[in-house]
C-alpha atoms as a PDB file:
ATOM      1  CA  UNK A   1     155.476  95.731  14.477  1.00  0.00           C
ATOM      2  CA  UNK A   2     159.286  95.326  14.336  1.00  0.00           C
ATOM      3  CA  UNK A   3     159.615  97.406  17.519  1.00  0.00           C
ATOM      4  CA  UNK A   4     157.137  95.204  19.377  1.00  0.00           C
ATOM      5  CA  UNK A   5     158.707  92.026  18.027  1.00  0.00           C
ATOM      6  CA  UNK A   6     162.157  93.198  19.112  1.00  0.00           C
ATOM      7  CA  UNK A   7     160.717  94.078  22.503  1.00  0.00           C
ATOM      8  CA  UNK A   8     159.538  90.511  22.964  1.00  0.00           C
ATOM      9  CA  UNK A   9     162.818  89.041  21.769  1.00  0.00           C
ATOM     10  CA  UNK A  10     164.805  91.252  24.068  1.00  0.00           C
ATOM     11  CA  UNK A  11     162.565  91.119  27.131  1.00  0.00           C
ATOM     12  CA  UNK A  12     160.822  87.780  26.796  1.00  0.00           C
ATOM     13  CA  UNK A  13     161.473  86.671  30.360  1.00  0.00           C
ATOM     14  CA  UNK A  14     159.131  88.021  33.027  1.00  0.00           C
ATOM     15  CA  UNK A  15     162.053  89.327  35.100  1.00  0.00           C
ATOM     16  CA  UNK A  16     163.351  91.311  32.145  1.00  0.00           C
ATOM     17  CA  UNK A  17     159.897  92.735  31.571  1.00  0.00           C
ATOM     18  CA  UNK A  18     159.703  93.859  35.177  1.00  0.00           C
ATOM     19  CA  UNK A  19     163.134  95.475  34.884  1.00  0.00           C
ATOM     20  CA  UNK A  20     161.878  97.370  31.848  1.00  0.00           C
ATOM     21  CA  UNK A  21     158.581  98.508  33.369  1.00  0.00           C
ATOM     22  CA  UNK A  22     159.260  98.930  37.081  1.00  0.00           C
ATOM     23  CA  UNK A  23     160.055 102.638  36.745  1.00  0.00           C
ATOM     24  CA  UNK A  24     157.083 103.372  34.496  1.00  0.00           C
ATOM     25  CA  UNK A  25     154.002 105.139  35.929  1.00  0.00           C
ATOM     26  CA  UNK A  26     151.769 102.948  38.062  1.00  0.00           C
ATOM     27  CA  UNK A  27     148.114 102.463  37.227  1.00  0.00           C
ATOM     28  CA  UNK A  28     146.549 101.131  40.388  1.00  0.00           C
ATOM     29  CA  UNK A  29     148.391  98.417  42.255  1.00  0.00           C
ATOM     30  CA  UNK A  30     148.513  95.874  39.443  1.00  0.00           C
ATOM     31  CA  UNK A  31     149.772  97.716  36.358  1.00  0.00           C
ATOM     32  CA  UNK A  32     152.702  99.721  35.037  1.00  0.00           C
ATOM     33  CA  UNK A  33     151.781 101.873  32.042  1.00  0.00           C
ATOM     34  CA  UNK A  34     153.931 101.760  28.931  1.00  0.00           C
ATOM     35  CA  UNK A  35     153.571 103.667  25.681  1.00  0.00           C
ATOM     36  CA  UNK A  36     150.288 104.635  24.074  1.00  0.00           C
ATOM     37  CA  UNK A  37     149.777 102.221  21.171  1.00  0.00           C
ATOM     38  CA  UNK A  38     146.393 103.285  19.799  1.00  0.00           C
ATOM     39  CA  UNK A  39     143.011 104.796  20.456  1.00  0.00           C
ATOM     40  CA  UNK A  40     139.361 103.938  20.056  1.00  0.00           C
ATOM     41  CA  UNK A  41     136.055 105.820  19.919  1.00  0.00           C
ATOM     42  CA  UNK A  42     136.077 105.908  23.687  1.00  0.00           C
ATOM     43  CA  UNK A  43     139.620 106.046  24.968  1.00  0.00           C
ATOM     44  CA  UNK A  44     143.380 105.698  24.658  1.00  0.00           C
ATOM     45  CA  UNK A  45     145.048 102.289  24.490  1.00  0.00           C
ATOM     46  CA  UNK A  46     148.326 101.605  26.279  1.00  0.00           C
ATOM     47  CA  UNK A  47     150.786  98.776  26.437  1.00  0.00           C
ATOM     48  CA  UNK A  48     151.213  97.883  30.106  1.00  0.00           C
ATOM     49  CA  UNK A  49     152.843  95.382  32.415  1.00  0.00           C
ATOM     50  CA  UNK A  50     150.532  93.336  34.646  1.00  0.00           C
ATOM     51  CA  UNK A  51     152.393  92.787  37.905  1.00  0.00           C
ATOM     52  CA  UNK A  52     150.402  89.795  39.270  1.00  0.00           C
ATOM     53  CA  UNK A  53     150.491  87.880  35.954  1.00  0.00           C
ATOM     54  CA  UNK A  54     153.988  89.107  34.932  1.00  0.00           C
ATOM     55  CA  UNK A  55     152.914  89.647  31.325  1.00  0.00           C
ATOM     56  CA  UNK A  56     152.239  92.509  28.938  1.00  0.00           C
ATOM     57  CA  UNK A  57     148.594  93.569  28.506  1.00  0.00           C
ATOM     58  CA  UNK A  58     146.592  96.266  26.733  1.00  0.00           C
ATOM     59  CA  UNK A  59     144.790  98.859  28.845  1.00  0.00           C
ATOM     60  CA  UNK A  60     142.087 101.073  27.342  1.00  0.00           C
ATOM     61  CA  UNK A  61     141.324 104.140  29.451  1.00  0.00           C
ATOM     62  CA  UNK A  62     138.319 106.387  28.984  1.00  0.00           C
ATOM     63  CA  UNK A  63     139.769 109.860  28.455  1.00  0.00           C
ATOM     64  CA  UNK A  64     139.129 113.580  28.014  1.00  0.00           C
ATOM     65  CA  UNK A  65     135.741 114.872  26.962  1.00  0.00           C
ATOM     66  CA  UNK A  66     134.590 111.315  26.355  1.00  0.00           C
ATOM     67  CA  UNK A  67     135.088 110.489  30.037  1.00  0.00           C
ATOM     68  CA  UNK A  68     132.973 113.512  30.995  1.00  0.00           C
ATOM     69  CA  UNK A  69     130.092 112.453  28.768  1.00  0.00           C
ATOM     70  CA  UNK A  70     127.513 110.315  30.559  1.00  0.00           C
ATOM     71  CA  UNK A  71     126.442 108.505  27.372  1.00  0.00           C
ATOM     72  CA  UNK A  72     130.074 107.671  26.533  1.00  0.00           C
ATOM     73  CA  UNK A  73     130.592 106.259  30.017  1.00  0.00           C
ATOM     74  CA  UNK A  74     127.490 104.116  29.525  1.00  0.00           C
ATOM     75  CA  UNK A  75     128.855 102.832  26.213  1.00  0.00           C
ATOM     76  CA  UNK A  76     132.220 102.099  27.797  1.00  0.00           C
ATOM     77  CA  UNK A  77     130.557 100.125  30.596  1.00  0.00           C
ATOM     78  CA  UNK A  78     128.509  98.324  27.944  1.00  0.00           C
ATOM     79  CA  UNK A  79     131.700  97.373  26.114  1.00  0.00           C
ATOM     80  CA  UNK A  80     133.222  96.103  29.363  1.00  0.00           C
ATOM     81  CA  UNK A  81     130.151  93.988  30.096  1.00  0.00           C
ATOM     82  CA  UNK A  82     130.065  92.617  26.552  1.00  0.00           C
ATOM     83  CA  UNK A  83     133.738  91.704  26.443  1.00  0.00           C
ATOM     84  CA  UNK A  84     133.450  89.995  29.799  1.00  0.00           C
ATOM     85  CA  UNK A  85     130.647  87.752  28.509  1.00  0.00           C
ATOM     86  CA  UNK A  86     132.022  86.892  25.052  1.00  0.00           C
ATOM     87  CA  UNK A  87     134.742  84.445  24.109  1.00  0.00           C
ATOM     88  CA  UNK A  88     136.036  83.802  20.596  1.00  0.00           C
ATOM     89  CA  UNK A  89     139.540  83.064  19.343  1.00  0.00           C
ATOM     90  CA  UNK A  90     139.440  86.136  17.084  1.00  0.00           C
ATOM     91  CA  UNK A  91     137.865  88.527  19.570  1.00  0.00           C
ATOM     92  CA  UNK A  92     140.026  90.649  21.853  1.00  0.00           C
ATOM     93  CA  UNK A  93     138.647  89.573  25.240  1.00  0.00           C
ATOM     94  CA  UNK A  94     138.569  91.345  28.591  1.00  0.00           C
ATOM     95  CA  UNK A  95     140.580  90.103  31.562  1.00  0.00           C
ATOM     96  CA  UNK A  96     140.008  93.015  33.975  1.00  0.00           C
ATOM     97  CA  UNK A  97     138.066  96.263  34.232  1.00  0.00           C
ATOM     98  CA  UNK A  98     137.046  98.892  36.734  1.00  0.00           C
ATOM     99  CA  UNK A  99     137.752 102.448  37.841  1.00  0.00           C
ATOM    100  CA  UNK A 100     141.045 103.793  39.184  1.00  0.00           C
ATOM    101  CA  UNK A 101     141.579 107.447  40.145  1.00  0.00           C
ATOM    102  CA  UNK A 102     138.238 108.346  38.511  1.00  0.00           C
ATOM    103  CA  UNK A 103     139.342 106.696  35.256  1.00  0.00           C
ATOM    104  CA  UNK A 104     137.337 103.855  33.772  1.00  0.00           C
ATOM    105  CA  UNK A 105     139.497 101.164  32.188  1.00  0.00           C
ATOM    106  CA  UNK A 106     139.425  97.774  30.548  1.00  0.00           C
ATOM    107  CA  UNK A 107     142.328  95.337  30.283  1.00  0.00           C
ATOM    108  CA  UNK A 108     142.710  92.827  27.462  1.00  0.00           C
ATOM    109  CA  UNK A 109     145.304  90.228  26.553  1.00  0.00           C
ATOM    110  CA  UNK A 110     148.210  91.477  24.490  1.00  0.00           C
ATOM    111  CA  UNK A 111     149.702  89.831  21.423  1.00  0.00           C
ATOM    112  CA  UNK A 112     152.568  90.958  19.225  1.00  0.00           C
ATOM    113  CA  UNK A 113     151.217  92.634  16.103  1.00  0.00           C
ATOM    114  CA  UNK A 114     149.698  95.862  14.851  1.00  0.00           C
ATOM    115  CA  UNK A 115     146.382  97.419  13.896  1.00  0.00           C
ATOM    116  CA  UNK A 116     145.253  96.906  10.333  1.00  0.00           C
ATOM    117  CA  UNK A 117     145.237 100.675   9.753  1.00  0.00           C
ATOM    118  CA  UNK A 118     148.951 100.781  10.593  1.00  0.00           C
ATOM    119  CA  UNK A 119     149.644  97.798   8.358  1.00  0.00           C
ATOM    120  CA  UNK A 120     147.891  99.571   5.479  1.00  0.00           C
ATOM    121  CA  UNK A 121     149.875 102.751   6.115  1.00  0.00           C
ATOM    122  CA  UNK A 122     153.038 100.684   5.764  1.00  0.00           C
ATOM    123  CA  UNK A 123     152.012  98.381   2.912  1.00  0.00           C
ATOM    124  CA  UNK A 124     149.356 100.591   1.220  1.00  0.00           C
ATOM    125  CA  UNK A 125     147.409  97.502   0.135  1.00  0.00           C
ATOM    126  CA  UNK A 126     147.439  93.780   0.821  1.00  0.00           C
ATOM    127  CA  UNK A 127     147.716  90.781  -1.481  1.00  0.00           C
ATOM    128  CA  UNK A 128     144.369  89.153  -2.143  1.00  0.00           C
ATOM    129  CA  UNK A 129     144.836  85.960  -0.150  1.00  0.00           C
ATOM    130  CA  UNK A 130     145.883  87.844   2.973  1.00  0.00           C
ATOM    131  CA  UNK A 131     142.998  90.315   2.662  1.00  0.00           C
ATOM    132  CA  UNK A 132     140.589  87.377   2.313  1.00  0.00           C
ATOM    133  CA  UNK A 133     142.147  85.643   5.318  1.00  0.00           C
ATOM    134  CA  UNK A 134     141.647  88.748   7.471  1.00  0.00           C
ATOM    135  CA  UNK A 135     138.072  89.102   6.212  1.00  0.00           C
ATOM    136  CA  UNK A 136     137.304  85.472   7.120  1.00  0.00           C
ATOM    137  CA  UNK A 137     138.734  85.895  10.635  1.00  0.00           C
ATOM    138  CA  UNK A 138     136.632  89.018  11.197  1.00  0.00           C
ATOM    139  CA  UNK A 139     133.532  87.444   9.639  1.00  0.00           C
ATOM    140  CA  UNK A 140     133.788  84.436  11.962  1.00  0.00           C
ATOM    141  CA  UNK A 141     133.773  86.751  14.995  1.00  0.00           C
ATOM    142  CA  UNK A 142     130.821  88.702  13.608  1.00  0.00           C
ATOM    143  CA  UNK A 143     128.992  85.446  12.921  1.00  0.00           C
ATOM    144  CA  UNK A 144     129.559  84.456  16.550  1.00  0.00           C
ATOM    145  CA  UNK A 145     128.294  87.829  17.826  1.00  0.00           C
ATOM    146  CA  UNK A 146     125.183  87.608  15.666  1.00  0.00           C
ATOM    147  CA  UNK A 147     124.339  83.966  16.345  1.00  0.00           C
ATOM    148  CA  UNK A 148     124.991  84.110  20.095  1.00  0.00           C
ATOM    149  CA  UNK A 149     123.635  87.540  21.000  1.00  0.00           C
ATOM    150  CA  UNK A 150     122.173  89.116  17.840  1.00  0.00           C
ATOM    151  CA  UNK A 151     124.834  91.799  18.174  1.00  0.00           C
ATOM    152  CA  UNK A 152     125.823  94.268  15.480  1.00  0.00           C
ATOM    153  CA  UNK A 153     129.323  95.675  15.767  1.00  0.00           C
ATOM    154  CA  UNK A 154     128.516  98.964  13.943  1.00  0.00           C
ATOM    155  CA  UNK A 155     132.120 100.233  14.016  1.00  0.00           C
ATOM    156  CA  UNK A 156     134.047  97.981  11.634  1.00  0.00           C
ATOM    157  CA  UNK A 157     137.163  99.755  10.373  1.00  0.00           C
ATOM    158  CA  UNK A 158     140.903  99.045  10.196  1.00  0.00           C
ATOM    159  CA  UNK A 159     141.433 100.834  13.517  1.00  0.00           C
ATOM    160  CA  UNK A 160     139.421  98.071  15.227  1.00  0.00           C
ATOM    161  CA  UNK A 161     141.070  95.078  13.557  1.00  0.00           C
ATOM    162  CA  UNK A 162     144.296  93.837  15.133  1.00  0.00           C
ATOM    163  CA  UNK A 163     146.622  91.704  13.033  1.00  0.00           C
ATOM    164  CA  UNK A 164     148.807  89.407  15.135  1.00  0.00           C
ATOM    165  CA  UNK A 165     152.395  88.502  14.379  1.00  0.00           C
ATOM    166  CA  UNK A 166     151.177  85.013  13.412  1.00  0.00           C
ATOM    167  CA  UNK A 167     148.922  86.547  10.748  1.00  0.00           C
ATOM    168  CA  UNK A 168     145.476  86.096  12.291  1.00  0.00           C
ATOM    169  CA  UNK A 169     143.054  89.002  12.766  1.00  0.00           C
ATOM    170  CA  UNK A 170     141.279  89.908  15.996  1.00  0.00           C
ATOM    171  CA  UNK A 171     138.344  92.253  16.421  1.00  0.00           C
ATOM    172  CA  UNK A 172     137.893  95.008  18.996  1.00  0.00           C
ATOM    173  CA  UNK A 173     135.768  98.160  19.257  1.00  0.00           C
ATOM    174  CA  UNK A 174     132.519  96.857  20.731  1.00  0.00           C
ATOM    175  CA  UNK A 175     131.821 100.192  22.433  1.00  0.00           C
ATOM    176  CA  UNK A 176     128.905 101.061  20.127  1.00  0.00           C
ATOM    177  CA  UNK A 177     127.685  97.542  19.418  1.00  0.00           C
ATOM    178  CA  UNK A 178     123.945  97.055  19.702  1.00  0.00           C
ATOM    179  CA  UNK A 179     121.639  94.122  20.291  1.00  0.00           C
ATOM    180  CA  UNK A 180     118.780  93.586  17.860  1.00  0.00           C
ATOM    181  CA  UNK A 181     115.380  92.014  18.339  1.00  0.00           C
ATOM    182  CA  UNK A 182     113.932  89.498  15.914  1.00  0.00           C
ATOM    183  CA  UNK A 183     112.451  92.218  13.712  1.00  0.00           C
ATOM    184  CA  UNK A 184     115.648  94.218  13.374  1.00  0.00           C
ATOM    185  CA  UNK A 185     114.694  96.641  16.149  1.00  0.00           C
ATOM    186  CA  UNK A 186     117.205  98.111  18.568  1.00  0.00           C
ATOM    187  CA  UNK A 187     117.570  96.689  22.085  1.00  0.00           C
ATOM    188  CA  UNK A 188     120.749  98.628  22.895  1.00  0.00           C
ATOM    189  CA  UNK A 189     121.385 101.390  25.391  1.00  0.00           C
ATOM    190  CA  UNK A 190     121.976 103.897  22.591  1.00  0.00           C
ATOM    191  CA  UNK A 191     118.347 103.757  21.507  1.00  0.00           C
ATOM    192  CA  UNK A 192     116.616 103.420  18.169  1.00  0.00           C
ATOM    193  CA  UNK A 193     116.810 105.982  15.395  1.00  0.00           C
ATOM    194  CA  UNK A 194     120.352 107.143  16.147  1.00  0.00           C
ATOM    195  CA  UNK A 195     122.972 107.229  13.369  1.00  0.00           C
ATOM    196  CA  UNK A 196     126.112 106.010  15.137  1.00  0.00           C
ATOM    197  CA  UNK A 197     129.369 104.838  13.605  1.00  0.00           C
ATOM    198  CA  UNK A 198     132.146 106.006  11.305  1.00  0.00           C
ATOM    199  CA  UNK A 199     130.668 107.510   8.100  1.00  0.00           C
ATOM    200  CA  UNK A 200     133.460 106.130   5.916  1.00  0.00           C
ATOM    201  CA  UNK A 201     132.405 102.564   6.769  1.00  0.00           C
ATOM    202  CA  UNK A 202     128.666 102.820   7.449  1.00  0.00           C
ATOM    203  CA  UNK A 203     126.068 100.834   5.525  1.00  0.00           C
ATOM    204  CA  UNK A 204     123.228 102.603   3.710  1.00  0.00           C
ATOM    205  CA  UNK A 205     120.686 101.257   6.203  1.00  0.00           C
ATOM    206  CA  UNK A 206     122.854 102.371   9.128  1.00  0.00           C
ATOM    207  CA  UNK A 207     123.071 105.873   7.647  1.00  0.00           C
ATOM    208  CA  UNK A 208     119.302 105.996   7.146  1.00  0.00           C
ATOM    209  CA  UNK A 209     118.702 104.561  10.645  1.00  0.00           C
ATOM    210  CA  UNK A 210     116.597 101.796   9.081  1.00  0.00           C
ATOM    211  CA  UNK A 211     116.141  98.363  10.606  1.00  0.00           C
ATOM    212  CA  UNK A 212     119.423  96.476  10.441  1.00  0.00           C
ATOM    213  CA  UNK A 213     120.742  92.959  10.744  1.00  0.00           C
ATOM    214  CA  UNK A 214     124.108  91.254  10.255  1.00  0.00           C
ATOM    215  CA  UNK A 215     124.195  92.412   6.622  1.00  0.00           C
ATOM    216  CA  UNK A 216     124.926  95.945   7.809  1.00  0.00           C
ATOM    217  CA  UNK A 217     128.192  94.740   9.358  1.00  0.00           C
ATOM    218  CA  UNK A 218     128.822  92.744   6.172  1.00  0.00           C
ATOM    219  CA  UNK A 219     128.673  95.965   4.147  1.00  0.00           C
ATOM    220  CA  UNK A 220     131.141  97.641   6.517  1.00  0.00           C
ATOM    221  CA  UNK A 221     133.470  94.655   6.175  1.00  0.00           C
ATOM    222  CA  UNK A 222     133.205  95.187   2.421  1.00  0.00           C
ATOM    223  CA  UNK A 223     134.513  98.743   2.838  1.00  0.00           C
ATOM    224  CA  UNK A 224     137.440  97.396   4.867  1.00  0.00           C
ATOM    225  CA  UNK A 225     138.157  94.788   2.168  1.00  0.00           C
ATOM    226  CA  UNK A 226     137.986  97.438  -0.560  1.00  0.00           C
ATOM    227  CA  UNK A 227     140.502  99.564   1.325  1.00  0.00           C
ATOM    228  CA  UNK A 228     142.791  96.594   2.014  1.00  0.00           C
ATOM    229  CA  UNK A 229     142.794  95.508  -1.643  1.00  0.00           C
ATOM    230  CA  UNK A 230     143.102  98.935  -3.283  1.00  0.00           C
ATOM    231  CA  UNK A 231     144.726 101.163  -0.681  1.00  0.00           C
ATOM    232  CA  UNK A 232     141.755 103.532  -1.035  1.00  0.00           C
ATOM    233  CA  UNK A 233     138.292 104.015   0.373  1.00  0.00           C
ATOM    234  CA  UNK A 234     135.495 103.633  -2.194  1.00  0.00           C
ATOM    235  CA  UNK A 235     133.837 106.886  -1.143  1.00  0.00           C
ATOM    236  CA  UNK A 236     135.578 110.093  -0.025  1.00  0.00           C
ATOM    237  CA  UNK A 237     134.213 113.564   0.590  1.00  0.00           C
ATOM    238  CA  UNK A 238     135.115 116.342   3.008  1.00  0.00           C
ATOM    239  CA  UNK A 239     131.427 116.829   3.742  1.00  0.00           C
ATOM    240  CA  UNK A 240     130.107 114.095   6.020  1.00  0.00           C
ATOM    241  CA  UNK A 241     126.605 114.518   4.632  1.00  0.00           C
ATOM    242  CA  UNK A 242     127.806 114.102   1.033  1.00  0.00           C
ATOM    243  CA  UNK A 243     129.983 111.169   2.063  1.00  0.00           C
ATOM    244  CA  UNK A 244     127.020 109.399   3.627  1.00  0.00           C
ATOM    245  CA  UNK A 245     124.930 110.177   0.560  1.00  0.00           C
ATOM    246  CA  UNK A 246     127.509 108.403  -1.594  1.00  0.00           C
ATOM    247  CA  UNK A 247     127.055 105.246   0.474  1.00  0.00           C
ATOM    248  CA  UNK A 248     123.322 105.424  -0.133  1.00  0.00           C
ATOM    249  CA  UNK A 249     123.294 106.255  -3.860  1.00  0.00           C
ATOM    250  CA  UNK A 250     126.650 105.689  -5.608  1.00  0.00           C
ATOM    251  CA  UNK A 251     128.182 102.441  -6.892  1.00  0.00           C
ATOM    252  CA  UNK A 252     131.912 102.164  -6.143  1.00  0.00           C
ATOM    253  CA  UNK A 253     134.495 101.601  -8.864  1.00  0.00           C
ATOM    254  CA  UNK A 254     135.141  97.814  -8.916  1.00  0.00           C
ATOM    255  CA  UNK A 255     138.196  96.685  -6.986  1.00  0.00           C
ATOM    256  CA  UNK A 256     139.704  95.042 -10.063  1.00  0.00           C
ATOM    257  CA  UNK A 257     139.782  98.420 -11.840  1.00  0.00           C
ATOM    258  CA  UNK A 258     141.834  99.827  -8.972  1.00  0.00           C
ATOM    259  CA  UNK A 259     144.117  96.795  -8.606  1.00  0.00           C
ATOM    260  CA  UNK A 260     144.615  94.519 -11.613  1.00  0.00           C
ATOM    261  CA  UNK A 261     146.203  91.836  -9.395  1.00  0.00           C
ATOM    262  CA  UNK A 262     142.860  91.121  -7.752  1.00  0.00           C
ATOM    263  CA  UNK A 263     140.938  88.181  -9.235  1.00  0.00           C
ATOM    264  CA  UNK A 264     137.564  88.645 -10.897  1.00  0.00           C
ATOM    265  CA  UNK A 265     136.006  86.444  -8.226  1.00  0.00           C
ATOM    266  CA  UNK A 266     137.327  88.520  -5.344  1.00  0.00           C
ATOM    267  CA  UNK A 267     136.308  91.778  -7.033  1.00  0.00           C
ATOM    268  CA  UNK A 268     132.808  90.381  -7.560  1.00  0.00           C
ATOM    269  CA  UNK A 269     132.669  89.305  -3.913  1.00  0.00           C
ATOM    270  CA  UNK A 270     133.378  92.861  -2.756  1.00  0.00           C
ATOM    271  CA  UNK A 271     130.835  94.222  -5.250  1.00  0.00           C
ATOM    272  CA  UNK A 272     128.224  91.894  -3.793  1.00  0.00           C
ATOM    273  CA  UNK A 273     128.681  92.822  -0.154  1.00  0.00           C
ATOM    274  CA  UNK A 274     128.698  96.517  -1.080  1.00  0.00           C
ATOM    275  CA  UNK A 275     125.259  96.280  -2.654  1.00  0.00           C
ATOM    276  CA  UNK A 276     122.933  99.073  -1.512  1.00  0.00           C
ATOM    277  CA  UNK A 277     120.085  96.619  -0.944  1.00  0.00           C
ATOM    278  CA  UNK A 278     120.834  94.177   1.908  1.00  0.00           C
ATOM    279  CA  UNK A 279     118.839  91.511   0.046  1.00  0.00           C
ATOM    280  CA  UNK A 280     121.488  91.560  -2.695  1.00  0.00           C
ATOM    281  CA  UNK A 281     124.301  90.775  -0.280  1.00  0.00           C
ATOM    282  CA  UNK A 282     125.059  87.344   1.171  1.00  0.00           C
ATOM    283  CA  UNK A 283     122.142  86.137   3.261  1.00  0.00           C
ATOM    284  CA  UNK A 284     124.259  84.467   5.946  1.00  0.00           C
ATOM    285  CA  UNK A 285     127.744  84.792   7.367  1.00  0.00           C
ATOM    286  CA  UNK A 286     128.308  81.159   6.384  1.00  0.00           C
ATOM    287  CA  UNK A 287     127.683  82.015   2.724  1.00  0.00           C
ATOM    288  CA  UNK A 288     130.208  84.854   2.806  1.00  0.00           C
ATOM    289  CA  UNK A 289     132.830  82.831   4.671  1.00  0.00           C
ATOM    290  CA  UNK A 290     132.439  79.836   2.330  1.00  0.00           C
ATOM    291  CA  UNK A 291     132.825  81.986  -0.790  1.00  0.00           C
ATOM    292  CA  UNK A 292     135.797  83.875   0.666  1.00  0.00           C
ATOM    293  CA  UNK A 293     137.626  80.652   1.543  1.00  0.00           C
ATOM    294  CA  UNK A 294     136.925  79.239  -1.927  1.00  0.00           C
ATOM    295  CA  UNK A 295     138.529  82.308  -3.505  1.00  0.00           C
ATOM    296  CA  UNK A 296     141.798  82.004  -1.614  1.00  0.00           C
ATOM    297  CA  UNK A 297     144.514  81.026  -4.053  1.00  0.00           C
ATOM    298  CA  UNK A 298     142.916  82.731  -7.060  1.00  0.00           C
ATOM    299  CA  UNK A 299     144.591  86.095  -6.644  1.00  0.00           C
ATOM    300  CA  UNK A 300     148.155  87.274  -6.635  1.00  0.00           C
ATOM    301  CA  UNK A 301     150.576  86.375  -3.899  1.00  0.00           C
END
């Protein structure tokens, strides 16, 4: 983050930005590609200069074997369509998309900051109040997705949560999101009965390809919170099948036993959203958000 912050301090003016980027590789007529700053399920993410707007942006480009896979291209187009139709203060939104030189791409606004996974690599774990603040920001986006479109994210993990320099969290990674019908059935392009997602963060019902609702994403957010508060994942195994089995059958060690600075209330909150039975988790995003906000100030700072 210090590199990006220094970049803004040094090249804040649009003319200085152009001086910095004018000799970088062009991507179409409107963009100059900078350094690769991350990757997603579907492509590589670059910092870039937008010539017409004279600002820095993020460009995600479908790459490699993913670009050659018809289903991946469909998912990428789905993500583009979704981002173009959704607006929330904590959602990374699309400002441009298309195909240049046989490469599909999507452009989103850029803010100074870093991905949560990189923050955790640097800090190992976060203080309770900050972890709760990030969880609330993400939960509010997920609440919006569920209430507006009955969308499940299905890929919640630190690699898809961007923490801005101001401290707020923004969500990305809608490439494998799916729309649900009223009975929990799948309306997405990926089809019903498919187990899709990252096994380290998948809910038991997602692993079993059962009917799912917002509580599946809530479980995945619980895994992210566990990792943020302890510096560890609750379940680890080199075998993907055994790892997924742990999500279905094993109870994680409570957060407070891994980090004594975490309050009993926050540890209990994580225990609740990691319940195997969705009926034992919070029954609305509002309930989770309200409890999380009430807990802020209880833990260490």
